[in-house]
Amino acid sequence: TAQVVDSSFIESNVDGTIKIRNRSVQRDSDGNLIAMVRNMSIVVIDSDGNERAVHRVAYGSKLHVDEGDSVKRGQRIAEWDPYTRPMLAEVDGVVDFEDLVDGASVQETADEATGITKRVVIDWRSSQRGADLKPAIVIKDDKGAISKNSRGLDARLMLSVDAVLSVQPGSSVKAGDVLARIPLESAKTKDITGGLPRVAELFEARRPKDHAIIAEIDGTIRFGRDYKNKRRIIIDPAEEGVEPVEYLIPKGKHFHLQEGDAIEKGEYILDGNPAPHDILAVKGVEALAAYLVNEIQEVYRLQGVTINDKHIEVIVRQMLQKIEITDPGDTEFFSGEQIDKLDFEEANRKAIDNARDPAKGVPVLLGITKASLQTRSFFSAASFQETTRVLTDAAVNGKTDPLVGLKENVIVGRLIPAGTGGVMKRIRQIATHRDDLIQEAQRQQSSESAAEGLLEDMTGAAE
């Protein structure tokens, strides 16, 4: 088996000066600078004032530089723990626990390898005693009242299942100190047996079982009323005129965001493998293509297999060849119809040339099986899967195959329209076109001579 090594630091790849966007940092008890927001970026600017690198900084990262510092190439800028997600104190104060009951919502476990004991939050809803518990860590001031954070909310961190507590009740903490850590799923050992089904899942564009949830808009997190055994998460939009978006998340899932946290469009609300269709809808075609290529390559990279990106990119292009019509405009399409990208562009070009409204559509992601069965050529589709169905359908509808692609030309034994075959095809087209011109000229000539003969006969008869 091969262990995945996640990156845990950022190094500067150029000499320059540091600039921090969305800067929000605190110094913890050890004097380290800690990133307190999720949308912070460190920019390296060279001597000419150009941005040479932009690094996204993970929440809870330890920064080795600050605004205006000079850095050398290879110098470490920030680091973090790649295997856990920290839950940080936002204010100074004294720690207290809420609803952390031994045996019901928290238990001590000993690490078999090191013998060190740790306190872990367990699924409190599975026991009768814990049905109404809401485990949390609160930070209190000197008077024993719950402190307020910068957003005016109570300094309370709601804990999720499997969170490992890093503090004891009554201990003093500073803003930026780690109160608990949530282990990440990605720290598991992966190998090719776990990888091949993953490749099939990506190529067939299936939704993963426990897929990640992607934020559809920019905004701030708000907790709504819980629904049965699900937690209601609402994103209040940052822009006016945009509707809030609601998500229902199972209570047992790791949820790392807190009320009032800012979130950007495309960020993960819930960890896991995202559904490719969601990436396409929220982030667009380029982000989806980059994601698919990277995820598929990751599986092969684990085994030391190198595959050029172009092979996967060709497949991804075929998976994205269809467009779903959202507004037909003045074209012949109807709303909801899935059509080929080439047909869509051709119809829109004709509509614009005739001063009519073009159609509008969104790209659709198809799995490779479905995509290959929806090609223009029935020869190509029949050679892949469901041969009988494809040929029956072609016969019933009286389809013709223009033999445009590679596969169908191989099947019927012709030169493929690529390389020397492409040149031959072009020469054949030119020759055919020339033959047509010659035949047309001959036809005109013969009709002219016939007309002249007829004219002579008519004049002779008149005389």
Protein backbone atom coordinates (compact mmCIF):
# COMPACT_ATOMS: atom_id res chain seq x y z
CA THR A 1 0.00 0.00 0.00
CA ALA A 2 1.09 3.55 -0.66
CA GLN A 3 0.67 6.32 1.89
CA VAL A 4 -0.55 9.66 0.63
CA VAL A 5 1.74 12.45 1.81
CA ASP A 6 -0.25 15.67 2.10
CA SER A 7 1.60 18.97 1.90
CA SER A 8 1.86 20.73 5.24
CA PHE A 9 3.71 23.97 4.44
CA ILE A 10 4.16 26.77 1.90
CA GLU A 11 7.58 27.90 0.71
CA SER A 12 8.29 31.03 -1.30
CA ASN A 13 9.46 30.21 -4.83
CA VAL A 14 10.81 33.74 -5.43
CA ASP A 15 12.54 36.56 -3.55
CA GLY A 16 10.10 39.33 -2.65
CA THR A 17 7.96 41.15 -0.11
CA ILE A 18 4.94 39.72 1.71
CA LYS A 19 1.45 41.18 1.40
CA ILE A 20 -1.48 39.54 3.21
CA ARG A 21 -5.06 39.73 1.89
CA ASN A 22 -7.99 39.44 4.35
CA ARG A 23 -5.46 39.54 7.19
CA SER A 24 -6.82 38.27 10.49
CA VAL A 25 -4.17 36.81 12.80
CA GLN A 26 -3.62 36.27 16.53
CA ARG A 27 -0.58 35.40 18.63
CA ASP A 28 -1.14 32.18 20.58
CA SER A 29 0.33 31.23 23.99
CA ASP A 30 3.63 30.22 22.33
CA GLY A 31 3.93 33.55 20.50
CA ASN A 32 3.17 32.10 17.05
CA LEU A 33 1.12 34.03 14.49
CA ILE A 34 -2.03 32.01 13.74
CA ALA A 35 -4.39 32.52 10.76
CA MET A 36 -7.90 33.08 12.12
CA VAL A 37 -9.94 33.17 8.88
CA ARG A 38 -10.50 30.76 6.00
CA ASN A 39 -10.13 33.19 3.10
CA MET A 40 -6.69 34.61 3.88
CA SER A 41 -4.06 34.72 1.13
CA ILE A 42 -0.34 35.48 1.25
CA VAL A 43 0.95 37.32 -1.83
CA VAL A 44 4.66 37.51 -2.73
CA ILE A 45 5.50 40.76 -4.58
CA ASP A 46 8.81 41.16 -6.42
CA SER A 47 11.03 44.29 -6.55
CA ASP A 48 9.07 45.66 -9.55
CA GLY A 49 5.77 45.51 -7.65
CA ASN A 50 4.40 42.52 -9.60
CA GLU A 51 2.51 39.67 -7.89
CA ARG A 52 4.70 36.58 -8.35
CA ALA A 53 2.76 34.08 -6.22
CA VAL A 54 -0.53 33.88 -4.33
CA HIS A 55 -0.85 31.22 -1.59
CA ARG A 56 -4.17 30.36 0.08
CA VAL A 57 -3.58 29.86 3.80
CA ALA A 58 -5.50 27.17 5.70
CA TYR A 59 -7.44 28.12 8.84
CA GLY A 60 -5.25 27.66 11.92
CA SER A 61 -1.96 27.78 9.96
CA LYS A 62 1.17 28.99 11.75
CA LEU A 63 2.66 31.96 9.88
CA HIS A 64 6.42 32.53 9.76
CA VAL A 65 6.06 35.94 8.07
CA ASP A 66 3.84 39.01 8.40
CA GLU A 67 2.78 41.98 6.27
CA GLY A 68 5.78 43.81 4.74
CA ASP A 69 8.39 41.13 5.58
CA SER A 70 11.07 40.27 3.00
CA VAL A 71 11.41 36.62 1.99
CA LYS A 72 14.08 34.68 0.14
CA ARG A 73 13.45 31.88 -2.33
CA GLY A 74 12.88 28.59 -0.48
CA GLN A 75 11.98 30.32 2.80
CA ARG A 76 9.03 28.79 4.66
CA ILE A 77 6.02 31.11 4.79
CA ALA A 78 3.42 29.06 6.69
CA GLU A 79 2.78 25.52 7.95
CA TRP A 80 -0.13 23.49 9.27
CA ASP A 81 -1.11 19.97 10.34
CA PRO A 82 -2.33 18.17 7.19
CA TYR A 83 -4.12 15.40 9.12
CA THR A 84 -6.36 17.42 11.46
CA ARG A 85 -8.51 20.53 11.29
CA PRO A 86 -8.06 22.81 14.33
CA MET A 87 -10.80 24.56 16.32
CA LEU A 88 -9.32 27.80 17.68
CA ALA A 89 -10.10 30.14 20.55
CA GLU A 90 -11.16 33.54 19.16
CA VAL A 91 -10.78 35.44 22.45
CA ASP A 92 -8.65 35.23 25.61
CA GLY A 93 -10.28 33.67 28.66
CA VAL A 94 -10.94 30.53 30.69
CA VAL A 95 -12.18 27.28 29.10
CA ASP A 96 -15.41 25.63 30.19
CA PHE A 97 -17.27 22.63 28.75
CA GLU A 98 -20.97 22.36 27.94
CA ASP A 99 -22.77 18.99 27.68
CA LEU A 100 -19.50 17.01 27.63
CA VAL A 101 -20.66 14.06 29.74
CA ASP A 102 -18.29 11.11 30.29
CA GLY A 103 -19.65 7.99 28.60
CA ALA A 104 -22.47 9.88 26.85
CA SER A 105 -20.77 12.52 24.70
CA VAL A 106 -17.05 12.14 25.48
CA GLN A 107 -14.76 9.25 26.38
CA GLU A 108 -11.07 8.70 27.02
CA THR A 109 -9.24 6.47 24.55
CA ALA A 110 -5.64 5.28 24.68
CA ASP A 111 -3.47 5.25 21.57
CA GLU A 112 -2.24 1.65 21.11
CA ALA A 113 1.11 2.72 19.64
CA THR A 114 2.09 5.47 22.10
CA GLY A 115 -0.07 4.71 25.14
CA ILE A 116 -1.12 8.37 25.33
CA THR A 117 -4.74 8.90 26.37
CA LYS A 118 -6.92 11.46 24.65
CA ARG A 119 -10.48 12.67 25.17
CA VAL A 120 -12.63 12.18 22.08
CA VAL A 121 -16.19 13.36 21.42
CA ILE A 122 -18.42 10.35 20.65
CA ASP A 123 -21.82 10.16 18.95
CA TRP A 124 -24.03 11.39 21.79
CA ARG A 125 -27.32 10.67 20.01
CA SER A 126 -26.72 6.90 20.10
CA SER A 127 -27.30 6.78 23.88
CA GLN A 128 -30.60 7.66 25.56
CA ARG A 129 -28.88 9.97 28.03
CA GLY A 130 -27.37 12.07 25.27
CA ALA A 131 -30.39 12.68 23.03
CA ASP A 132 -30.71 16.38 23.99
CA LEU A 133 -27.01 17.18 24.46
CA LYS A 134 -25.20 19.87 22.46
CA PRO A 135 -21.49 19.42 23.24
CA ALA A 136 -19.52 22.66 23.07
CA ILE A 137 -16.47 24.47 24.42
CA VAL A 138 -17.13 27.99 25.76
CA ILE A 139 -14.65 30.67 26.80
CA LYS A 140 -15.54 32.75 29.87
CA ASP A 141 -14.15 36.04 31.15
CA ASP A 142 -12.86 36.84 34.67
CA LYS A 143 -16.42 37.25 35.99
CA GLY A 144 -17.54 33.81 34.76
CA ALA A 145 -19.74 35.15 31.95
CA ILE A 146 -19.38 33.79 28.41
CA SER A 147 -17.13 36.12 26.39
CA LYS A 148 -18.22 37.67 23.08
CA ASN A 149 -16.21 37.25 19.89
CA SER A 150 -15.47 39.96 17.29
CA ARG A 151 -18.86 39.35 15.60
CA GLY A 152 -20.74 39.97 18.86
CA LEU A 153 -21.70 36.29 19.26
CA ASP A 154 -20.99 34.03 22.26
CA ALA A 155 -17.48 32.53 22.21
CA ARG A 156 -18.89 29.01 21.87
CA LEU A 157 -17.47 26.26 19.65
CA MET A 158 -19.94 23.49 18.79
CA LEU A 159 -18.14 20.13 18.74
CA SER A 160 -18.67 17.40 16.16
CA VAL A 161 -18.21 13.64 16.51
CA ASP A 162 -14.55 12.43 16.67
CA ALA A 163 -13.22 15.84 17.75
CA VAL A 164 -10.15 15.39 20.00
CA LEU A 165 -10.08 17.83 22.94
CA SER A 166 -6.81 19.71 23.44
CA VAL A 167 -7.72 21.64 26.63
CA GLN A 168 -9.09 20.98 30.12
CA PRO A 169 -11.92 22.93 31.80
CA GLY A 170 -10.57 25.81 33.86
CA SER A 171 -7.40 26.26 31.79
CA SER A 172 -6.54 29.75 30.52
CA VAL A 173 -6.21 30.23 26.77
CA LYS A 174 -5.23 33.03 24.42
CA ALA A 175 -6.85 33.83 21.08
CA GLY A 176 -5.33 31.50 18.47
CA ASP A 177 -4.82 28.55 20.85
CA VAL A 178 -6.11 25.15 19.67
CA LEU A 179 -9.11 23.97 21.71
CA ALA A 180 -9.87 20.78 19.76
CA ARG A 181 -8.84 19.01 16.57
CA ILE A 182 -11.00 17.18 14.03
CA PRO A 183 -9.19 14.34 12.18
CA LEU A 184 -9.43 14.52 8.39
CA GLU A 185 -10.59 11.56 6.31
CA SER A 186 -7.79 12.07 3.77
CA ALA A 187 -5.19 10.78 6.21
CA LYS A 188 -6.14 7.18 5.41
CA THR A 189 -3.91 4.79 3.49
CA LYS A 190 -4.88 4.49 -0.18
CA ASP A 191 -3.79 2.00 -2.82
CA ILE A 192 -4.71 1.04 -6.36
CA THR A 193 -7.56 -1.27 -5.26
CA GLY A 194 -9.22 1.72 -3.65
CA GLY A 195 -8.20 3.76 -6.67
CA LEU A 196 -9.63 1.88 -9.64
CA PRO A 197 -13.25 2.10 -8.43
CA ARG A 198 -12.51 5.81 -7.83
CA VAL A 199 -11.34 6.21 -11.46
CA ALA A 200 -14.50 4.43 -12.67
CA GLU A 201 -16.60 6.71 -10.42
CA LEU A 202 -14.97 9.81 -11.94
CA PHE A 203 -15.20 8.66 -15.56
CA GLU A 204 -18.83 7.60 -15.15
CA ALA A 205 -19.59 10.95 -13.41
CA ARG A 206 -21.32 9.26 -10.45
CA ARG A 207 -22.13 11.10 -7.26
CA PRO A 208 -19.86 9.84 -4.45
CA LYS A 209 -21.73 8.28 -1.52
CA ASP A 210 -20.74 10.87 1.11
CA HIS A 211 -20.01 13.73 -1.23
CA ALA A 212 -18.77 17.15 -0.17
CA ILE A 213 -21.19 20.07 -0.16
CA ILE A 214 -20.03 23.15 -2.06
CA ALA A 215 -21.16 26.69 -1.18
CA GLU A 216 -23.20 28.13 -4.05
CA ILE A 217 -22.85 31.80 -3.02
CA ASP A 218 -20.57 34.14 -1.02
CA GLY A 219 -21.93 34.92 2.43
CA THR A 220 -21.89 34.11 6.13
CA ILE A 221 -22.85 30.91 7.94
CA ARG A 222 -25.96 30.83 10.11
CA PHE A 223 -27.45 27.84 11.96
CA GLY A 224 -31.18 27.31 11.43
CA ARG A 225 -33.58 25.07 13.36
CA ASP A 226 -32.51 21.43 13.32
CA TYR A 227 -34.69 19.07 11.31
CA LYS A 228 -34.97 15.56 12.83
CA ASN A 229 -31.40 14.19 12.88
CA LYS A 230 -30.08 16.80 10.45
CA ARG A 231 -28.46 20.15 11.09
CA ARG A 232 -29.78 23.11 9.06
CA ILE A 233 -27.03 25.37 7.70
CA ILE A 234 -28.01 28.65 6.04
CA ILE A 235 -25.71 30.91 4.01
CA ASP A 236 -26.82 34.54 4.22
CA PRO A 237 -25.67 36.18 0.97
CA ALA A 238 -23.04 38.93 0.97
CA GLU A 239 -24.75 40.65 -2.00
CA GLU A 240 -28.22 42.15 -1.97
CA GLY A 241 -30.94 40.64 -4.12
CA VAL A 242 -29.62 37.07 -3.71
CA GLU A 243 -31.70 34.44 -1.93
CA PRO A 244 -30.17 32.68 1.13
CA VAL A 245 -29.20 29.05 0.49
CA GLU A 246 -30.07 26.20 2.89
CA TYR A 247 -28.30 22.87 3.39
CA LEU A 248 -29.31 19.93 5.59
CA ILE A 249 -26.31 18.08 7.01
CA PRO A 250 -26.42 14.86 9.10
CA LYS A 251 -25.50 15.67 12.71
CA GLY A 252 -22.84 12.96 12.86
CA LYS A 253 -20.81 14.58 10.06
CA HIS A 254 -17.69 16.64 10.76
CA PHE A 255 -18.73 20.25 10.38
CA HIS A 256 -15.83 22.66 10.86
CA LEU A 257 -17.55 26.03 10.34
CA GLN A 258 -19.00 28.16 13.14
CA GLU A 259 -21.89 30.63 13.16
CA GLY A 260 -20.91 33.95 11.58
CA ASP A 261 -17.98 32.52 9.57
CA ALA A 262 -17.49 34.09 6.14
CA ILE A 263 -17.55 31.62 3.25
CA GLU A 264 -16.80 32.07 -0.45
CA LYS A 265 -18.54 30.54 -3.46
CA GLY A 266 -16.93 27.19 -4.28
CA GLU A 267 -15.63 26.49 -0.74
CA TYR A 268 -16.47 23.15 0.90
CA ILE A 269 -19.10 23.31 3.63
CA LEU A 270 -18.73 19.58 4.27
CA ASP A 271 -15.53 17.63 3.58
CA GLY A 272 -15.37 14.67 1.22
CA ASN A 273 -15.14 14.03 -2.50
CA PRO A 274 -17.28 16.63 -4.27
CA ALA A 275 -19.83 15.57 -6.89
CA PRO A 276 -18.49 16.56 -10.35
CA HIS A 277 -21.92 17.95 -11.33
CA ASP A 278 -21.77 20.38 -8.38
CA ILE A 279 -18.31 21.62 -9.42
CA LEU A 280 -19.63 22.20 -12.95
CA ALA A 281 -22.69 24.10 -11.69
CA VAL A 282 -20.82 26.26 -9.15
CA LYS A 283 -17.30 26.73 -10.51
CA GLY A 284 -17.63 26.10 -14.25
CA VAL A 285 -16.14 23.91 -16.98
CA GLU A 286 -12.45 24.77 -16.48
CA ALA A 287 -12.53 24.04 -12.74
CA LEU A 288 -14.29 20.70 -13.41
CA ALA A 289 -11.77 19.68 -16.09
CA ALA A 290 -8.84 20.54 -13.80
CA TYR A 291 -10.47 18.61 -10.92
CA LEU A 292 -11.13 15.45 -13.00
CA VAL A 293 -7.63 15.39 -14.51
CA ASN A 294 -6.01 15.90 -11.10
CA GLU A 295 -8.15 13.30 -9.28
CA ILE A 296 -7.62 10.62 -11.95
CA GLN A 297 -3.88 11.33 -12.08
CA GLU A 298 -3.72 11.10 -8.26
CA VAL A 299 -4.73 7.41 -8.34
CA TYR A 300 -2.08 6.51 -10.91
CA ARG A 301 0.56 8.72 -9.27
CA LEU A 302 0.26 6.63 -6.10
CA GLN A 303 1.56 3.65 -8.06
CA GLY A 304 4.28 5.60 -9.84
CA VAL A 305 2.42 5.40 -13.17
CA THR A 306 2.91 8.49 -15.33
CA ILE A 307 0.18 9.33 -17.83
CA ASN A 308 0.25 12.45 -19.96
CA ASP A 309 -2.63 14.81 -19.11
CA LYS A 310 -3.70 15.05 -22.77
CA HIS A 311 -5.14 11.50 -22.74
CA ILE A 312 -7.43 12.28 -19.81
CA GLU A 313 -8.25 15.74 -21.22
CA VAL A 314 -9.52 14.16 -24.47
CA ILE A 315 -11.90 11.93 -22.47
CA VAL A 316 -13.07 14.87 -20.33
CA ARG A 317 -13.78 16.89 -23.50
CA GLN A 318 -16.00 14.06 -24.78
CA MET A 319 -17.79 13.93 -21.41
CA LEU A 320 -18.59 17.65 -21.78
CA GLN A 321 -19.73 17.58 -25.42
CA LYS A 322 -23.44 18.12 -24.67
CA ILE A 323 -25.27 21.33 -23.77
CA GLU A 324 -28.69 21.55 -22.09
CA ILE A 325 -30.89 24.31 -23.49
CA THR A 326 -32.16 26.76 -20.85
CA ASP A 327 -33.63 29.33 -23.26
CA PRO A 328 -34.25 28.28 -26.88
CA GLY A 329 -34.45 31.90 -28.18
CA ASP A 330 -35.48 31.89 -31.87
CA THR A 331 -33.83 28.54 -32.67
CA GLU A 332 -35.50 25.18 -33.35
CA PHE A 333 -34.43 23.73 -29.99
CA PHE A 334 -36.74 23.37 -27.00
CA SER A 335 -36.02 24.00 -23.32
CA GLY A 336 -34.38 21.07 -21.49
CA GLU A 337 -33.13 19.44 -24.71
CA GLN A 338 -29.57 18.07 -24.66
CA ILE A 339 -27.72 18.79 -27.90
CA ASP A 340 -24.19 18.57 -29.24
CA LYS A 341 -21.97 21.61 -28.66
CA LEU A 342 -21.21 21.89 -32.40
CA ASP A 343 -24.93 21.90 -33.31
CA PHE A 344 -25.55 24.52 -30.59
CA GLU A 345 -22.83 26.85 -31.92
CA GLU A 346 -23.95 26.35 -35.55
CA ALA A 347 -27.61 27.13 -34.73
CA ASN A 348 -26.62 30.23 -32.74
CA ARG A 349 -24.38 31.46 -35.57
CA LYS A 350 -27.28 31.16 -38.03
CA ALA A 351 -29.65 32.91 -35.60
CA ILE A 352 -27.23 35.84 -35.11
CA ASP A 353 -26.66 36.12 -38.91
CA ASN A 354 -30.45 36.39 -39.37
CA ALA A 355 -30.70 39.01 -36.55
CA ARG A 356 -32.60 36.58 -34.26
CA ASP A 357 -32.14 35.67 -30.58
CA PRO A 358 -29.59 32.87 -30.04
CA ALA A 359 -30.28 29.97 -27.67
CA LYS A 360 -28.80 29.87 -24.17
CA GLY A 361 -27.58 26.67 -22.52
CA VAL A 362 -25.43 25.17 -19.79
CA PRO A 363 -22.82 22.42 -20.24
CA VAL A 364 -23.86 18.93 -19.13
CA LEU A 365 -21.51 16.29 -17.73
CA LEU A 366 -22.09 12.76 -19.03
CA GLY A 367 -20.35 9.56 -17.93
CA ILE A 368 -18.17 7.94 -20.61
CA THR A 369 -20.69 5.12 -21.26
CA LYS A 370 -23.54 7.56 -21.84
CA ALA A 371 -21.33 10.00 -23.77
CA SER A 372 -20.06 7.32 -26.15
CA LEU A 373 -23.60 6.05 -26.84
CA GLN A 374 -24.67 9.59 -27.75
CA THR A 375 -22.06 10.20 -30.45
CA ARG A 376 -23.20 11.22 -33.96
CA SER A 377 -21.88 7.96 -35.46
CA PHE A 378 -23.94 4.82 -34.79
CA PHE A 379 -20.99 2.65 -35.93
CA SER A 380 -18.85 4.16 -33.17
CA ALA A 381 -21.62 3.77 -30.55
CA ALA A 382 -22.40 0.15 -31.57
CA SER A 383 -18.74 -0.87 -31.26
CA PHE A 384 -18.64 0.29 -27.62
CA GLN A 385 -21.64 -1.04 -25.68
CA GLU A 386 -25.29 -2.10 -26.16
CA THR A 387 -24.61 -3.04 -29.81
CA THR A 388 -28.06 -4.53 -30.50
CA ARG A 389 -29.94 -1.54 -29.10
CA VAL A 390 -27.82 0.98 -31.02
CA LEU A 391 -28.12 -0.86 -34.37
CA THR A 392 -31.87 -1.46 -33.90
CA ASP A 393 -32.37 2.22 -33.12
CA ALA A 394 -30.32 3.22 -36.21
CA ALA A 395 -32.32 0.84 -38.46
CA VAL A 396 -35.72 1.96 -37.14
CA ASN A 397 -34.86 5.65 -37.59
CA GLY A 398 -33.16 5.14 -40.97
CA LYS A 399 -29.93 6.79 -39.77
CA THR A 400 -26.97 7.48 -42.06
CA ASP A 401 -23.37 7.65 -40.84
CA PRO A 402 -21.19 10.29 -42.54
CA LEU A 403 -18.00 8.50 -41.27
CA VAL A 404 -16.47 11.68 -39.85
CA GLY A 405 -14.61 10.26 -36.83
CA LEU A 406 -11.70 7.83 -36.44
CA LYS A 407 -13.48 4.80 -35.00
CA GLU A 408 -16.15 4.43 -37.66
CA ASN A 409 -13.55 4.68 -40.45
CA VAL A 410 -11.48 1.90 -38.85
CA ILE A 411 -14.60 -0.30 -38.62
CA VAL A 412 -15.42 0.01 -42.34
CA GLY A 413 -11.76 -0.33 -43.36
CA ARG A 414 -11.08 3.19 -44.63
CA LEU A 415 -8.10 5.43 -43.92
CA ILE A 416 -8.72 7.39 -40.74
CA PRO A 417 -9.23 11.14 -41.27
CA ALA A 418 -6.01 12.03 -39.42
CA GLY A 419 -2.33 12.26 -40.37
CA THR A 420 -1.74 10.96 -43.93
CA GLY A 421 -5.37 9.80 -43.98
CA GLY A 422 -6.42 13.39 -43.30
CA VAL A 423 -4.31 14.62 -46.23
CA MET A 424 -5.80 11.93 -48.50
CA LYS A 425 -9.28 12.92 -47.39
CA ARG A 426 -8.56 16.58 -48.16
CA ILE A 427 -7.12 15.69 -51.62
CA ARG A 428 -10.19 13.54 -52.30
CA GLN A 429 -12.46 16.44 -51.32
CA ILE A 430 -10.56 18.84 -53.63
CA ALA A 431 -10.70 16.30 -56.48
CA THR A 432 -14.44 15.76 -55.98
CA HIS A 433 -15.03 19.52 -55.90
CA ARG A 434 -12.98 19.94 -59.11
CA ASP A 435 -14.92 17.11 -60.80
CA ASP A 436 -18.17 18.84 -59.88
CA LEU A 437 -16.93 22.11 -61.39
CA ILE A 438 -15.82 20.35 -64.62
CA GLN A 439 -19.16 18.52 -64.91
CA GLU A 440 -21.03 21.77 -64.32
CA ALA A 441 -18.94 23.54 -66.99
CA GLN A 442 -19.55 20.68 -69.45
CA ARG A 443 -23.27 20.76 -68.70
CA GLN A 444 -23.42 24.49 -69.35
CA GLN A 445 -21.38 24.12 -72.56
CA SER A 446 -23.62 21.34 -73.89
CA SER A 447 -26.77 23.28 -73.04
CA GLU A 448 -25.33 26.39 -74.78
CA SER A 449 -24.44 24.43 -77.97
CA ALA A 450 -27.88 22.80 -77.96
CA ALA A 451 -29.47 26.23 -77.63
CA GLU A 452 -27.38 27.56 -80.53
CA GLY A 453 -28.41 24.60 -82.74
CA LEU A 454 -32.05 25.14 -81.87
CA LEU A 455 -31.75 28.84 -82.67
CA GLU A 456 -30.21 28.05 -86.09
CA ASP A 457 -33.05 25.61 -86.88
CA MET A 458 -35.64 28.20 -85.91
CA THR A 459 -34.03 30.96 -88.04
CA GLY A 460 -33.70 28.54 -90.99
CA ALA A 461 -37.38 27.60 -90.74
CA ALA A 462 -38.37 31.26 -90.58
CA GLU A 463 -36.52 32.03 -93.81
